[in-house]
Amino acid sequence: MMGMSSETAVMLAAIAGYLLGSIPFGLLLTMAAGLGDVRKIGSGSTGATNVLRTGRKGLAAGTLLLDAAKGSLAVVLGASIAGVPGIFFGGLASLLGHNYPVWLKFKGGKGVATGLGIMLVADWRVAVGAAVVWLLTAFLLRMSSAASLAAAVAAPILAWLLGSPQPVLGLVLAAVALVVLRHKDNIRRLIAGTEPRIGAKK
């Protein structure tokens, strides 16, 4: 932006991204529907998979779309504020905001939908490829966590094979690291064979 140093622009892009990402749509939608605090059921996450455990598919779909939209908007806004660096810092900050929102004592979602929204704008080809991997894995295993981890692993491979620009590849790698970190408990349950299936109440 004119009259602003590049460092200031990047900082503003990151702040805007974090604030966008930290909007807990899953919590807001379930509370508005009179279902109480979604963090008190299932995994305790504010994401779409946990919202689905309320039995309200429409709310889960709404959470998925809104969480993806805030990731996309963070990248667009970041780019408008700080150019190419804003894509990286705005997108990454939105994922951090979703996973660790200050308003909820840094306990949010797991970043899959928001990560998808980020990739849709950064490189839609990677987003589509990762979504296909997620759908196939979810169909075969009926486990959201396994599908999310498979898509996370596929995303940087796709970005590299498709020749995504370096800032996009860096963003994908950073996003994948955060998604995997947030799924560490799921990974333990997958290894132990105790991970719940999609739609399970617990």
N, C-alpha and C. Protein backbone atom coordinates (compact mmCIF):
# COMPACT_ATOMS: atom_id res chain seq x y z
N MET A 1 0.84 -1.20 0.00
CA MET A 1 0.00 0.00 0.00
C MET A 1 0.87 1.25 0.00
N MET A 2 0.42 2.31 -0.69
CA MET A 2 1.21 3.53 -0.82
C MET A 2 1.41 4.19 0.54
N GLY A 3 2.66 4.71 0.76
CA GLY A 3 2.95 5.40 2.01
C GLY A 3 3.18 4.49 3.18
N MET A 4 3.32 3.20 2.95
CA MET A 4 3.50 2.23 4.03
C MET A 4 4.72 1.36 3.73
N SER A 5 5.55 1.13 4.73
CA SER A 5 6.71 0.28 4.53
C SER A 5 6.25 -1.16 4.31
N SER A 6 7.11 -1.96 3.66
CA SER A 6 6.76 -3.35 3.40
C SER A 6 6.58 -4.14 4.69
N GLU A 7 7.40 -3.81 5.70
CA GLU A 7 7.28 -4.51 6.98
C GLU A 7 5.94 -4.22 7.65
N THR A 8 5.53 -2.97 7.60
CA THR A 8 4.24 -2.59 8.18
C THR A 8 3.09 -3.25 7.44
N ALA A 9 3.19 -3.29 6.11
CA ALA A 9 2.15 -3.91 5.30
C ALA A 9 2.01 -5.39 5.61
N VAL A 10 3.15 -6.07 5.75
CA VAL A 10 3.12 -7.50 6.07
C VAL A 10 2.51 -7.72 7.46
N MET A 11 2.87 -6.84 8.41
CA MET A 11 2.31 -6.96 9.76
C MET A 11 0.80 -6.77 9.74
N LEU A 12 0.33 -5.79 8.98
CA LEU A 12 -1.11 -5.56 8.88
C LEU A 12 -1.82 -6.74 8.22
N ALA A 13 -1.18 -7.31 7.19
CA ALA A 13 -1.76 -8.48 6.52
C ALA A 13 -1.89 -9.64 7.49
N ALA A 14 -0.87 -9.82 8.32
CA ALA A 14 -0.88 -10.92 9.30
C ALA A 14 -1.95 -10.68 10.38
N ILE A 15 -2.05 -9.45 10.85
CA ILE A 15 -3.06 -9.13 11.87
C ILE A 15 -4.47 -9.34 11.32
N ALA A 16 -4.69 -8.84 10.10
CA ALA A 16 -6.01 -9.01 9.47
C ALA A 16 -6.32 -10.48 9.28
N GLY A 17 -5.33 -11.26 8.85
CA GLY A 17 -5.52 -12.69 8.65
C GLY A 17 -5.86 -13.40 9.95
N TYR A 18 -5.14 -13.05 11.00
CA TYR A 18 -5.39 -13.69 12.30
C TYR A 18 -6.79 -13.37 12.80
N LEU A 19 -7.19 -12.11 12.71
CA LEU A 19 -8.52 -11.72 13.19
C LEU A 19 -9.62 -12.42 12.40
N LEU A 20 -9.44 -12.54 11.10
CA LEU A 20 -10.41 -13.26 10.28
C LEU A 20 -10.46 -14.73 10.67
N GLY A 21 -9.29 -15.34 10.77
CA GLY A 21 -9.22 -16.76 11.07
C GLY A 21 -9.77 -17.11 12.44
N SER A 22 -9.70 -16.17 13.37
CA SER A 22 -10.10 -16.47 14.74
C SER A 22 -11.61 -16.38 14.97
N ILE A 23 -12.37 -16.05 13.92
CA ILE A 23 -13.84 -16.04 14.07
C ILE A 23 -14.31 -17.49 14.18
N PRO A 24 -14.87 -17.90 15.32
CA PRO A 24 -15.25 -19.31 15.54
C PRO A 24 -16.65 -19.62 15.01
N PHE A 25 -16.76 -19.76 13.70
CA PHE A 25 -18.08 -19.93 13.10
C PHE A 25 -18.81 -21.17 13.63
N GLY A 26 -18.09 -22.26 13.85
CA GLY A 26 -18.75 -23.46 14.37
C GLY A 26 -19.41 -23.21 15.71
N LEU A 27 -18.72 -22.51 16.58
CA LEU A 27 -19.27 -22.17 17.90
C LEU A 27 -20.45 -21.19 17.76
N LEU A 28 -20.28 -20.17 16.93
CA LEU A 28 -21.33 -19.17 16.76
C LEU A 28 -22.61 -19.78 16.18
N LEU A 29 -22.45 -20.65 15.18
CA LEU A 29 -23.62 -21.26 14.54
C LEU A 29 -24.36 -22.20 15.49
N THR A 30 -23.63 -23.01 16.22
CA THR A 30 -24.29 -23.96 17.13
C THR A 30 -24.97 -23.24 18.29
N MET A 31 -24.34 -22.18 18.78
CA MET A 31 -24.98 -21.43 19.86
C MET A 31 -26.21 -20.69 19.35
N ALA A 32 -26.13 -20.15 18.13
CA ALA A 32 -27.29 -19.46 17.54
C ALA A 32 -28.45 -20.42 17.32
N ALA A 33 -28.13 -21.69 17.07
CA ALA A 33 -29.16 -22.71 16.85
C ALA A 33 -29.69 -23.29 18.16
N GLY A 34 -29.17 -22.80 19.26
CA GLY A 34 -29.64 -23.27 20.56
C GLY A 34 -29.07 -24.60 20.99
N LEU A 35 -27.93 -24.97 20.42
CA LEU A 35 -27.32 -26.28 20.73
C LEU A 35 -26.23 -26.18 21.78
N GLY A 36 -25.98 -25.00 22.28
CA GLY A 36 -24.97 -24.85 23.32
C GLY A 36 -23.56 -24.78 22.75
N ASP A 37 -22.60 -25.03 23.62
CA ASP A 37 -21.19 -24.91 23.29
C ASP A 37 -20.67 -26.20 22.65
N VAL A 38 -20.34 -26.13 21.36
CA VAL A 38 -19.89 -27.32 20.63
C VAL A 38 -18.57 -27.85 21.18
N ARG A 39 -17.84 -27.02 21.92
CA ARG A 39 -16.57 -27.45 22.48
C ARG A 39 -16.75 -28.46 23.61
N LYS A 40 -17.99 -28.64 24.07
CA LYS A 40 -18.25 -29.57 25.16
C LYS A 40 -18.62 -30.97 24.68
N ILE A 41 -18.58 -31.18 23.37
CA ILE A 41 -18.88 -32.51 22.83
C ILE A 41 -17.72 -32.99 21.96
N GLY A 42 -17.70 -34.28 21.71
CA GLY A 42 -16.74 -34.85 20.77
C GLY A 42 -15.30 -34.48 21.07
N SER A 43 -14.63 -33.94 20.06
CA SER A 43 -13.21 -33.60 20.18
C SER A 43 -12.98 -32.26 20.86
N GLY A 44 -14.05 -31.49 21.07
CA GLY A 44 -13.90 -30.17 21.67
C GLY A 44 -13.51 -29.10 20.68
N SER A 45 -13.42 -29.46 19.41
CA SER A 45 -13.04 -28.53 18.35
C SER A 45 -14.23 -27.67 17.93
N THR A 46 -13.93 -26.52 17.32
CA THR A 46 -15.00 -25.66 16.79
C THR A 46 -15.20 -25.88 15.29
N GLY A 47 -14.54 -26.89 14.72
CA GLY A 47 -14.61 -27.13 13.29
C GLY A 47 -15.84 -27.90 12.85
N ALA A 48 -15.96 -28.07 11.53
CA ALA A 48 -17.14 -28.68 10.93
C ALA A 48 -17.35 -30.13 11.35
N THR A 49 -16.27 -30.90 11.49
CA THR A 49 -16.42 -32.30 11.86
C THR A 49 -17.05 -32.44 13.23
N ASN A 50 -16.64 -31.60 14.16
CA ASN A 50 -17.23 -31.67 15.50
C ASN A 50 -18.65 -31.13 15.51
N VAL A 51 -18.92 -30.11 14.70
CA VAL A 51 -20.29 -29.60 14.59
C VAL A 51 -21.21 -30.69 14.05
N LEU A 52 -20.70 -31.54 13.18
CA LEU A 52 -21.49 -32.64 12.63
C LEU A 52 -21.96 -33.59 13.72
N ARG A 53 -21.22 -33.65 14.82
CA ARG A 53 -21.59 -34.54 15.94
C ARG A 53 -22.84 -34.07 16.66
N THR A 54 -23.31 -32.86 16.36
CA THR A 54 -24.58 -32.40 16.92
C THR A 54 -25.75 -33.02 16.18
N GLY A 55 -25.46 -33.64 15.02
CA GLY A 55 -26.50 -34.21 14.19
C GLY A 55 -27.11 -33.23 13.21
N ARG A 56 -26.60 -32.02 13.19
CA ARG A 56 -27.12 -30.98 12.30
C ARG A 56 -26.19 -30.81 11.09
N LYS A 57 -26.50 -31.51 10.02
CA LYS A 57 -25.64 -31.49 8.84
C LYS A 57 -25.57 -30.10 8.20
N GLY A 58 -26.68 -29.38 8.24
CA GLY A 58 -26.70 -28.04 7.68
C GLY A 58 -25.74 -27.10 8.39
N LEU A 59 -25.70 -27.21 9.74
CA LEU A 59 -24.77 -26.38 10.51
C LEU A 59 -23.33 -26.76 10.21
N ALA A 60 -23.09 -28.06 10.06
CA ALA A 60 -21.73 -28.52 9.74
C ALA A 60 -21.30 -28.00 8.38
N ALA A 61 -22.21 -28.04 7.41
CA ALA A 61 -21.90 -27.54 6.07
C ALA A 61 -21.66 -26.04 6.10
N GLY A 62 -22.46 -25.33 6.88
CA GLY A 62 -22.28 -23.89 7.02
C GLY A 62 -20.94 -23.55 7.65
N THR A 63 -20.56 -24.31 8.65
CA THR A 63 -19.27 -24.12 9.30
C THR A 63 -18.13 -24.36 8.32
N LEU A 64 -18.25 -25.43 7.55
CA LEU A 64 -17.22 -25.75 6.55
C LEU A 64 -17.05 -24.60 5.55
N LEU A 65 -18.15 -24.11 5.02
CA LEU A 65 -18.09 -23.04 4.02
C LEU A 65 -17.55 -21.74 4.60
N LEU A 66 -18.00 -21.38 5.78
CA LEU A 66 -17.56 -20.13 6.39
C LEU A 66 -16.09 -20.19 6.82
N ASP A 67 -15.66 -21.35 7.34
CA ASP A 67 -14.26 -21.50 7.72
C ASP A 67 -13.35 -21.45 6.49
N ALA A 68 -13.82 -22.03 5.39
CA ALA A 68 -13.04 -21.95 4.15
C ALA A 68 -13.03 -20.52 3.62
N ALA A 69 -14.16 -19.85 3.70
CA ALA A 69 -14.27 -18.48 3.18
C ALA A 69 -13.34 -17.53 3.91
N LYS A 70 -13.21 -17.69 5.21
CA LYS A 70 -12.34 -16.76 5.95
C LYS A 70 -10.87 -16.98 5.59
N GLY A 71 -10.49 -18.22 5.26
CA GLY A 71 -9.14 -18.46 4.79
C GLY A 71 -8.89 -17.82 3.44
N SER A 72 -9.86 -17.95 2.54
CA SER A 72 -9.75 -17.33 1.21
C SER A 72 -9.67 -15.81 1.32
N LEU A 73 -10.54 -15.24 2.14
CA LEU A 73 -10.57 -13.79 2.29
C LEU A 73 -9.27 -13.27 2.89
N ALA A 74 -8.67 -14.04 3.80
CA ALA A 74 -7.41 -13.61 4.41
C ALA A 74 -6.30 -13.52 3.37
N VAL A 75 -6.28 -14.46 2.42
CA VAL A 75 -5.26 -14.43 1.37
C VAL A 75 -5.50 -13.25 0.44
N VAL A 76 -6.75 -13.03 0.05
CA VAL A 76 -7.08 -11.91 -0.84
C VAL A 76 -6.74 -10.58 -0.16
N LEU A 77 -7.13 -10.45 1.09
CA LEU A 77 -6.86 -9.22 1.83
C LEU A 77 -5.36 -9.02 2.04
N GLY A 78 -4.67 -10.12 2.37
CA GLY A 78 -3.23 -10.04 2.57
C GLY A 78 -2.52 -9.58 1.31
N ALA A 79 -2.95 -10.12 0.17
CA ALA A 79 -2.34 -9.73 -1.11
C ALA A 79 -2.61 -8.26 -1.42
N SER A 80 -3.80 -7.78 -1.10
CA SER A 80 -4.14 -6.38 -1.37
C SER A 80 -3.36 -5.42 -0.48
N ILE A 81 -3.00 -5.88 0.72
CA ILE A 81 -2.27 -5.02 1.66
C ILE A 81 -0.77 -5.05 1.41
N ALA A 82 -0.22 -6.26 1.20
CA ALA A 82 1.24 -6.42 1.16
C ALA A 82 1.75 -7.14 -0.08
N GLY A 83 0.91 -7.34 -1.09
CA GLY A 83 1.37 -8.01 -2.30
C GLY A 83 1.63 -9.48 -2.07
N VAL A 84 2.62 -10.03 -2.78
CA VAL A 84 2.91 -11.47 -2.70
C VAL A 84 3.23 -11.92 -1.27
N PRO A 85 4.06 -11.18 -0.50
CA PRO A 85 4.30 -11.62 0.89
C PRO A 85 3.02 -11.70 1.71
N GLY A 86 2.05 -10.85 1.38
CA GLY A 86 0.79 -10.86 2.11
C GLY A 86 0.00 -12.14 1.91
N ILE A 87 0.21 -12.80 0.77
CA ILE A 87 -0.43 -14.10 0.52
C ILE A 87 0.02 -15.10 1.56
N PHE A 88 1.34 -15.13 1.77
CA PHE A 88 1.91 -16.08 2.74
C PHE A 88 1.50 -15.73 4.17
N PHE A 89 1.78 -14.49 4.57
CA PHE A 89 1.56 -14.12 5.97
C PHE A 89 0.08 -13.98 6.32
N GLY A 90 -0.72 -13.48 5.38
CA GLY A 90 -2.15 -13.39 5.63
C GLY A 90 -2.79 -14.75 5.75
N GLY A 91 -2.42 -15.66 4.82
CA GLY A 91 -2.97 -17.01 4.85
C GLY A 91 -2.54 -17.78 6.08
N LEU A 92 -1.25 -17.75 6.38
CA LEU A 92 -0.75 -18.48 7.54
C LEU A 92 -1.34 -17.95 8.84
N ALA A 93 -1.46 -16.64 8.94
CA ALA A 93 -2.03 -16.04 10.15
C ALA A 93 -3.49 -16.43 10.34
N SER A 94 -4.23 -16.56 9.25
CA SER A 94 -5.64 -16.96 9.37
C SER A 94 -5.74 -18.38 9.90
N LEU A 95 -4.82 -19.23 9.48
CA LEU A 95 -4.82 -20.61 9.98
C LEU A 95 -4.46 -20.63 11.47
N LEU A 96 -3.49 -19.82 11.85
CA LEU A 96 -3.15 -19.71 13.27
C LEU A 96 -4.33 -19.18 14.08
N GLY A 97 -5.04 -18.20 13.52
CA GLY A 97 -6.20 -17.67 14.21
C GLY A 97 -7.30 -18.70 14.38
N HIS A 98 -7.51 -19.52 13.35
CA HIS A 98 -8.53 -20.56 13.44
C HIS A 98 -8.15 -21.61 14.47
N ASN A 99 -6.90 -22.02 14.45
CA ASN A 99 -6.44 -23.07 15.36
C ASN A 99 -6.29 -22.58 16.79
N TYR A 100 -5.83 -21.33 16.93
CA TYR A 100 -5.51 -20.79 18.26
C TYR A 100 -6.12 -19.40 18.44
N PRO A 101 -7.46 -19.30 18.50
CA PRO A 101 -8.11 -17.99 18.66
C PRO A 101 -7.94 -17.45 20.08
N VAL A 102 -7.49 -16.21 20.17
CA VAL A 102 -7.24 -15.62 21.49
C VAL A 102 -8.52 -15.54 22.31
N TRP A 103 -9.67 -15.37 21.62
CA TRP A 103 -10.95 -15.22 22.34
C TRP A 103 -11.39 -16.51 23.02
N LEU A 104 -10.88 -17.64 22.56
CA LEU A 104 -11.28 -18.94 23.10
C LEU A 104 -10.14 -19.63 23.82
N LYS A 105 -9.27 -18.82 24.43
CA LYS A 105 -8.11 -19.32 25.16
C LYS A 105 -7.24 -20.21 24.28
N PHE A 106 -7.14 -19.83 23.01
CA PHE A 106 -6.26 -20.48 22.02
C PHE A 106 -6.66 -21.92 21.72
N LYS A 107 -7.96 -22.22 21.86
CA LYS A 107 -8.46 -23.56 21.54
C LYS A 107 -9.55 -23.45 20.48
N GLY A 108 -9.18 -23.70 19.22
CA GLY A 108 -10.13 -23.56 18.13
C GLY A 108 -10.33 -24.84 17.35
N GLY A 109 -10.30 -24.71 16.02
CA GLY A 109 -10.49 -25.87 15.16
C GLY A 109 -9.15 -26.50 14.78
N LYS A 110 -9.18 -27.32 13.74
CA LYS A 110 -7.96 -28.04 13.34
C LYS A 110 -7.43 -27.58 11.98
N GLY A 111 -8.11 -26.63 11.37
CA GLY A 111 -7.54 -25.93 10.23
C GLY A 111 -7.76 -26.53 8.86
N VAL A 112 -8.52 -27.60 8.74
CA VAL A 112 -8.65 -28.26 7.44
C VAL A 112 -9.46 -27.39 6.47
N ALA A 113 -10.64 -26.95 6.89
CA ALA A 113 -11.48 -26.14 6.00
C ALA A 113 -10.82 -24.79 5.71
N THR A 114 -10.25 -24.18 6.73
CA THR A 114 -9.57 -22.90 6.53
C THR A 114 -8.37 -23.07 5.60
N GLY A 115 -7.64 -24.16 5.78
CA GLY A 115 -6.51 -24.46 4.89
C GLY A 115 -6.96 -24.64 3.45
N LEU A 116 -8.11 -25.28 3.27
CA LEU A 116 -8.65 -25.46 1.92
C LEU A 116 -9.00 -24.11 1.30
N GLY A 117 -9.60 -23.23 2.10
CA GLY A 117 -9.94 -21.90 1.60
C GLY A 117 -8.71 -21.11 1.21
N ILE A 118 -7.66 -21.24 1.99
CA ILE A 118 -6.39 -20.57 1.68
C ILE A 118 -5.85 -21.06 0.34
N MET A 119 -5.86 -22.38 0.15
CA MET A 119 -5.30 -22.95 -1.07
C MET A 119 -6.16 -22.64 -2.30
N LEU A 120 -7.48 -22.49 -2.09
CA LEU A 120 -8.36 -22.17 -3.22
C LEU A 120 -7.94 -20.88 -3.91
N VAL A 121 -7.49 -19.91 -3.11
CA VAL A 121 -7.06 -18.64 -3.66
C VAL A 121 -5.58 -18.69 -4.07
N ALA A 122 -4.75 -19.31 -3.24
CA ALA A 122 -3.31 -19.36 -3.52
C ALA A 122 -3.01 -20.18 -4.77
N ASP A 123 -3.64 -21.35 -4.90
CA ASP A 123 -3.49 -22.20 -6.10
C ASP A 123 -4.65 -23.19 -6.11
N TRP A 124 -5.69 -22.86 -6.86
CA TRP A 124 -6.92 -23.65 -6.84
C TRP A 124 -6.69 -25.10 -7.26
N ARG A 125 -5.66 -25.34 -8.09
CA ARG A 125 -5.38 -26.71 -8.53
C ARG A 125 -4.98 -27.60 -7.36
N VAL A 126 -4.18 -27.05 -6.47
CA VAL A 126 -3.76 -27.79 -5.27
C VAL A 126 -4.97 -28.06 -4.38
N ALA A 127 -5.83 -27.05 -4.24
CA ALA A 127 -7.03 -27.20 -3.41
C ALA A 127 -7.94 -28.29 -3.94
N VAL A 128 -8.16 -28.30 -5.25
CA VAL A 128 -9.03 -29.32 -5.85
C VAL A 128 -8.43 -30.71 -5.68
N GLY A 129 -7.13 -30.82 -5.93
CA GLY A 129 -6.47 -32.12 -5.77
C GLY A 129 -6.53 -32.63 -4.35
N ALA A 130 -6.28 -31.74 -3.38
CA ALA A 130 -6.32 -32.14 -1.98
C ALA A 130 -7.75 -32.51 -1.57
N ALA A 131 -8.74 -31.78 -2.09
CA ALA A 131 -10.14 -32.09 -1.78
C ALA A 131 -10.53 -33.47 -2.31
N VAL A 132 -10.05 -33.81 -3.49
CA VAL A 132 -10.33 -35.14 -4.06
C VAL A 132 -9.72 -36.22 -3.18
N VAL A 133 -8.49 -36.00 -2.72
CA VAL A 133 -7.84 -36.97 -1.83
C VAL A 133 -8.64 -37.11 -0.55
N TRP A 134 -9.11 -35.98 0.00
CA TRP A 134 -9.91 -36.03 1.22
C TRP A 134 -11.19 -36.85 1.01
N LEU A 135 -11.90 -36.57 -0.08
CA LEU A 135 -13.16 -37.26 -0.35
C LEU A 135 -12.96 -38.76 -0.54
N LEU A 136 -11.94 -39.13 -1.28
CA LEU A 136 -11.68 -40.55 -1.52
C LEU A 136 -11.33 -41.28 -0.22
N THR A 137 -10.47 -40.64 0.59
CA THR A 137 -10.06 -41.27 1.85
C THR A 137 -11.24 -41.36 2.82
N ALA A 138 -12.03 -40.29 2.88
CA ALA A 138 -13.20 -40.29 3.76
C ALA A 138 -14.20 -41.36 3.33
N PHE A 139 -14.38 -41.53 2.04
CA PHE A 139 -15.31 -42.55 1.52
C PHE A 139 -14.83 -43.96 1.86
N LEU A 140 -13.54 -44.17 1.75
CA LEU A 140 -12.99 -45.51 1.98
C LEU A 140 -12.88 -45.85 3.47
N LEU A 141 -12.45 -44.88 4.28
CA LEU A 141 -12.16 -45.16 5.69
C LEU A 141 -13.22 -44.64 6.65
N ARG A 142 -14.05 -43.69 6.18
CA ARG A 142 -15.08 -43.08 7.03
C ARG A 142 -14.48 -42.42 8.27
N MET A 143 -13.30 -41.83 8.10
CA MET A 143 -12.63 -41.12 9.20
C MET A 143 -12.17 -39.76 8.71
N SER A 144 -12.71 -38.71 9.30
CA SER A 144 -12.36 -37.37 8.89
C SER A 144 -10.89 -37.06 9.12
N SER A 145 -10.35 -37.52 10.25
CA SER A 145 -8.95 -37.23 10.57
C SER A 145 -8.01 -37.88 9.57
N ALA A 146 -8.29 -39.13 9.22
CA ALA A 146 -7.45 -39.83 8.24
C ALA A 146 -7.52 -39.13 6.88
N ALA A 147 -8.72 -38.70 6.51
CA ALA A 147 -8.89 -37.98 5.25
C ALA A 147 -8.13 -36.66 5.27
N SER A 148 -8.20 -35.96 6.40
CA SER A 148 -7.52 -34.67 6.52
C SER A 148 -6.01 -34.84 6.44
N LEU A 149 -5.49 -35.85 7.10
CA LEU A 149 -4.05 -36.09 7.07
C LEU A 149 -3.59 -36.52 5.68
N ALA A 150 -4.38 -37.32 5.01
CA ALA A 150 -4.03 -37.74 3.64
C ALA A 150 -4.01 -36.53 2.71
N ALA A 151 -4.99 -35.65 2.84
CA ALA A 151 -5.04 -34.45 2.02
C ALA A 151 -3.87 -33.53 2.34
N ALA A 152 -3.51 -33.45 3.63
CA ALA A 152 -2.40 -32.60 4.04
C ALA A 152 -1.09 -33.09 3.43
N VAL A 153 -0.89 -34.39 3.42
CA VAL A 153 0.32 -34.96 2.83
C VAL A 153 0.33 -34.73 1.32
N ALA A 154 -0.84 -34.85 0.70
CA ALA A 154 -0.93 -34.71 -0.76
C ALA A 154 -0.71 -33.27 -1.22
N ALA A 155 -1.11 -32.29 -0.41
CA ALA A 155 -1.09 -30.89 -0.83
C ALA A 155 0.30 -30.39 -1.27
N PRO A 156 1.35 -30.55 -0.45
CA PRO A 156 2.65 -30.05 -0.90
C PRO A 156 3.21 -30.83 -2.09
N ILE A 157 2.88 -32.11 -2.17
CA ILE A 157 3.31 -32.91 -3.32
C ILE A 157 2.66 -32.37 -4.59
N LEU A 158 1.37 -32.08 -4.50
CA LEU A 158 0.65 -31.51 -5.64
C LEU A 158 1.20 -30.13 -6.01
N ALA A 159 1.49 -29.31 -4.99
CA ALA A 159 2.02 -27.98 -5.24
C ALA A 159 3.35 -28.06 -5.98
N TRP A 160 4.18 -29.01 -5.59
CA TRP A 160 5.48 -29.19 -6.24
C TRP A 160 5.32 -29.72 -7.66
N LEU A 161 4.47 -30.73 -7.83
CA LEU A 161 4.26 -31.32 -9.16
C LEU A 161 3.64 -30.32 -10.14
N LEU A 162 2.75 -29.47 -9.62
CA LEU A 162 2.05 -28.50 -10.47
C LEU A 162 2.85 -27.22 -10.68
N GLY A 163 4.00 -27.12 -10.03
CA GLY A 163 4.84 -25.94 -10.21
C GLY A 163 4.28 -24.69 -9.58
N SER A 164 3.68 -24.81 -8.41
CA SER A 164 3.16 -23.63 -7.72
C SER A 164 4.29 -22.65 -7.42
N PRO A 165 4.02 -21.35 -7.45
CA PRO A 165 5.05 -20.35 -7.11
C PRO A 165 5.63 -20.62 -5.73
N GLN A 166 6.86 -20.22 -5.50
CA GLN A 166 7.54 -20.50 -4.24
C GLN A 166 6.78 -20.01 -3.01
N PRO A 167 6.21 -18.79 -3.03
CA PRO A 167 5.45 -18.36 -1.84
C PRO A 167 4.26 -19.27 -1.55
N VAL A 168 3.62 -19.76 -2.61
CA VAL A 168 2.48 -20.67 -2.43
C VAL A 168 2.94 -22.00 -1.86
N LEU A 169 4.04 -22.53 -2.40
CA LEU A 169 4.57 -23.79 -1.89
C LEU A 169 4.96 -23.65 -0.42
N GLY A 170 5.57 -22.53 -0.07
CA GLY A 170 5.92 -22.29 1.33
C GLY A 170 4.70 -22.21 2.22
N LEU A 171 3.66 -21.55 1.73
CA LEU A 171 2.41 -21.44 2.48
C LEU A 171 1.78 -22.81 2.68
N VAL A 172 1.77 -23.62 1.64
CA VAL A 172 1.20 -24.97 1.73
C VAL A 172 1.97 -25.80 2.75
N LEU A 173 3.29 -25.75 2.71
CA LEU A 173 4.11 -26.52 3.65
C LEU A 173 3.84 -26.09 5.10
N ALA A 174 3.77 -24.78 5.32
CA ALA A 174 3.51 -24.27 6.67
C ALA A 174 2.11 -24.66 7.14
N ALA A 175 1.14 -24.57 6.24
CA ALA A 175 -0.24 -24.92 6.59
C ALA A 175 -0.34 -26.40 6.93
N VAL A 176 0.33 -27.24 6.15
CA VAL A 176 0.31 -28.68 6.39
C VAL A 176 0.91 -29.00 7.76
N ALA A 177 2.01 -28.33 8.10
CA ALA A 177 2.64 -28.57 9.40
C ALA A 177 1.68 -28.26 10.54
N LEU A 178 0.92 -27.16 10.40
CA LEU A 178 -0.04 -26.79 11.44
C LEU A 178 -1.19 -27.78 11.52
N VAL A 179 -1.68 -28.22 10.36
CA VAL A 179 -2.79 -29.19 10.34
C VAL A 179 -2.36 -30.50 11.00
N VAL A 180 -1.18 -30.98 10.67
CA VAL A 180 -0.69 -32.23 11.25
C VAL A 180 -0.49 -32.07 12.76
N LEU A 181 0.05 -30.93 13.18
CA LEU A 181 0.25 -30.67 14.61
C LEU A 181 -1.07 -30.71 15.36
N ARG A 182 -2.11 -30.13 14.78
CA ARG A 182 -3.42 -30.12 15.44
C ARG A 182 -4.09 -31.49 15.45
N HIS A 183 -3.57 -32.41 14.64
CA HIS A 183 -4.15 -33.75 14.59
C HIS A 183 -3.31 -34.79 15.35
N LYS A 184 -2.42 -34.33 16.21
CA LYS A 184 -1.52 -35.27 16.90
C LYS A 184 -2.29 -36.30 17.74
N ASP A 185 -3.37 -35.85 18.39
CA ASP A 185 -4.17 -36.80 19.18
C ASP A 185 -4.90 -37.79 18.28
N ASN A 186 -5.37 -37.30 17.13
CA ASN A 186 -6.02 -38.18 16.16
C ASN A 186 -5.05 -39.23 15.64
N ILE A 187 -3.80 -38.82 15.42
CA ILE A 187 -2.79 -39.76 14.93
C ILE A 187 -2.58 -40.88 15.95
N ARG A 188 -2.54 -40.52 17.22
CA ARG A 188 -2.39 -41.54 18.27
C ARG A 188 -3.56 -42.51 18.25
N ARG A 189 -4.79 -41.98 18.09
CA ARG A 189 -5.96 -42.85 18.08
C ARG A 189 -6.01 -43.70 16.82
N LEU A 190 -5.56 -43.14 15.69
CA LEU A 190 -5.51 -43.93 14.46
C LEU A 190 -4.57 -45.11 14.61
N ILE A 191 -3.44 -44.87 15.23
CA ILE A 191 -2.46 -45.95 15.46
C ILE A 191 -3.05 -46.99 16.41
N ALA A 192 -3.78 -46.52 17.42
CA ALA A 192 -4.37 -47.43 18.41
C ALA A 192 -5.64 -48.11 17.91
N GLY A 193 -6.19 -47.61 16.78
CA GLY A 193 -7.42 -48.18 16.24
C GLY A 193 -8.66 -47.74 16.98
N THR A 194 -8.61 -46.58 17.65
CA THR A 194 -9.75 -46.10 18.44
C THR A 194 -10.35 -44.80 17.88
N GLU A 195 -9.92 -44.39 16.71
CA GLU A 195 -10.42 -43.14 16.13
C GLU A 195 -11.88 -43.31 15.70
N PRO A 196 -12.77 -42.38 16.10
CA PRO A 196 -14.20 -42.51 15.73
C PRO A 196 -14.43 -42.26 14.25
N ARG A 197 -15.50 -42.85 13.73
CA ARG A 197 -15.87 -42.67 12.33
C ARG A 197 -16.64 -41.36 12.14
N ILE A 198 -16.76 -40.94 10.91
CA ILE A 198 -17.49 -39.72 10.59
C ILE A 198 -18.95 -39.85 11.05
N GLY A 199 -19.42 -38.84 11.78
CA GLY A 199 -20.80 -38.84 12.25
C GLY A 199 -20.97 -39.44 13.63
N ALA A 200 -19.90 -40.07 14.16
CA ALA A 200 -20.00 -40.63 15.51
C ALA A 200 -20.14 -39.51 16.52
N LYS A 201 -20.86 -39.78 17.59
CA LYS A 201 -21.09 -38.76 18.60
C LYS A 201 -19.85 -38.45 19.42
N LYS A 202 -18.94 -39.42 19.52
CA LYS A 202 -17.73 -39.23 20.32
C LYS A 202 -16.51 -39.57 19.49
